Protein backbone atom coordinates (compact mmCIF):
# COMPACT_ATOMS: atom_id res chain seq x y z
CA UNK A 1 12.19 -12.32 6.87
CA UNK A 2 11.63 -10.42 3.65
CA UNK A 3 10.54 -12.97 1.05
CA UNK A 4 8.87 -11.62 -2.08
CA UNK A 5 5.85 -13.29 -3.62
CA UNK A 6 4.71 -11.07 -6.52
CA UNK A 7 1.36 -12.85 -6.90
CA UNK A 8 0.51 -12.43 -3.23
CA UNK A 9 1.63 -8.80 -3.36
CA UNK A 10 -0.72 -8.32 -6.32
CA UNK A 11 -3.67 -9.89 -4.47
CA UNK A 12 -3.17 -7.65 -1.42
CA UNK A 13 -2.90 -4.52 -3.57
CA UNK A 14 -5.99 -5.37 -5.62
CA UNK A 15 -7.99 -5.92 -2.42
CA UNK A 16 -6.75 -2.61 -1.04
CA UNK A 17 -7.61 -0.86 -4.30
CA UNK A 18 -11.12 -2.25 -4.14
CA UNK A 19 -11.51 -1.16 -0.50
CA UNK A 20 -10.26 2.34 -1.38
CA UNK A 21 -12.76 2.47 -4.25
CA UNK A 22 -15.56 1.76 -1.78
CA UNK A 23 -14.34 4.83 0.15
CA UNK A 24 -14.48 6.98 -2.99
CA UNK A 25 -10.75 6.97 -3.67
CA UNK A 26 -9.52 6.09 -7.15
CA UNK A 27 -6.37 4.01 -7.51
CA UNK A 28 -4.19 2.65 -10.28
CA UNK A 29 -2.34 -0.64 -10.06
CA UNK A 30 1.11 -0.49 -11.64
CA UNK A 31 2.60 -3.81 -12.70
CA UNK A 32 6.11 -3.17 -13.97
CA UNK A 33 7.71 -5.83 -16.10
CA UNK A 34 10.43 -6.10 -13.50
CA UNK A 35 10.09 -4.97 -9.93
CA UNK A 36 7.43 -4.70 -7.29
CA UNK A 37 3.73 -3.99 -7.99
CA UNK A 38 2.55 -0.59 -6.74
CA UNK A 39 -0.86 0.89 -6.02
CA UNK A 40 -0.89 4.61 -6.86
CA UNK A 41 -3.43 7.06 -5.46
CA UNK A 42 -3.60 10.85 -5.46
CA UNK A 43 -3.59 12.63 -2.13
CA UNK A 44 -5.81 15.59 -1.32
CA UNK A 45 -2.91 17.89 -2.22
CA UNK A 46 -2.60 16.17 -5.63
CA UNK A 47 0.58 14.37 -4.65
CA UNK A 48 1.02 10.85 -5.92
CA UNK A 49 1.14 8.30 -3.11
CA UNK A 50 2.69 4.94 -3.97
CA UNK A 51 1.62 2.05 -1.79
CA UNK A 52 3.54 -1.21 -1.73
CA UNK A 53 3.11 -4.35 0.31
CA UNK A 54 6.03 -6.09 1.99
CA UNK A 55 6.36 -9.32 3.91
CA UNK A 56 7.43 -9.03 7.53
CA UNK A 57 7.92 -11.67 10.21
CA UNK A 58 4.28 -11.61 11.30
CA UNK A 59 2.56 -10.99 7.96
CA UNK A 60 2.08 -8.56 5.09
CA UNK A 61 2.26 -4.80 5.60
CA UNK A 62 1.15 -1.91 3.35
CA UNK A 63 3.73 0.88 3.31
CA UNK A 64 3.59 4.27 1.64
CA UNK A 65 6.86 5.82 2.70
CA UNK A 66 9.59 6.41 0.10
CA UNK A 67 11.53 3.31 -0.93
CA UNK A 68 14.75 4.77 0.47
CA UNK A 69 13.35 5.32 3.97
CA UNK A 70 14.65 2.37 5.94
CA UNK A 71 13.24 3.37 9.33
CA UNK A 72 9.63 2.51 10.10
CA UNK A 73 7.74 5.47 11.43
CA UNK A 74 4.33 5.38 13.09
CA UNK A 75 1.60 6.23 10.62
CA UNK A 76 3.47 5.02 7.54
CA UNK A 77 2.46 1.37 7.58
CA UNK A 78 -0.55 -0.80 8.33
CA UNK A 79 -1.01 -4.57 8.44
CA UNK A 80 -2.48 -5.77 5.15
CA UNK A 81 -4.93 -8.09 6.91
CA UNK A 82 -6.37 -5.28 9.06
CA UNK A 83 -10.07 -4.73 8.39
CA UNK A 84 -9.52 -0.97 8.48
CA UNK A 85 -6.35 -0.83 6.32
CA UNK A 86 -8.01 1.35 3.66
CA UNK A 87 -9.38 3.73 6.32
CA UNK A 88 -5.94 4.06 7.91
CA UNK A 89 -4.31 4.79 4.56
CA UNK A 90 -6.93 7.37 3.62
CA UNK A 91 -6.55 9.24 6.91
CA UNK A 92 -2.74 9.00 7.07
CA UNK A 93 -1.59 9.33 3.47
CA UNK A 94 -4.38 10.49 1.18
CA UNK A 95 -6.50 12.99 3.08
């Protein structure tokens, strides 16, 4: 199941952006006219990290791997409803 709901994607990304802000991490929400919303943050090495949210069978997942990477790897995704999603992203992708 991979159904897109742009408004729900937006809500998840805004919530994540707010949680990252509480951790001292700035983020920018990108809303392209066509395509998927993206939350952009800068990593410690000044590399841009693009976070998207996708629907899976059991819920929404934040992913920050490149769009062309089809294989899920440990440490490159976290459930959007997880209370510690922002912490996981900071330690895995931003730090």
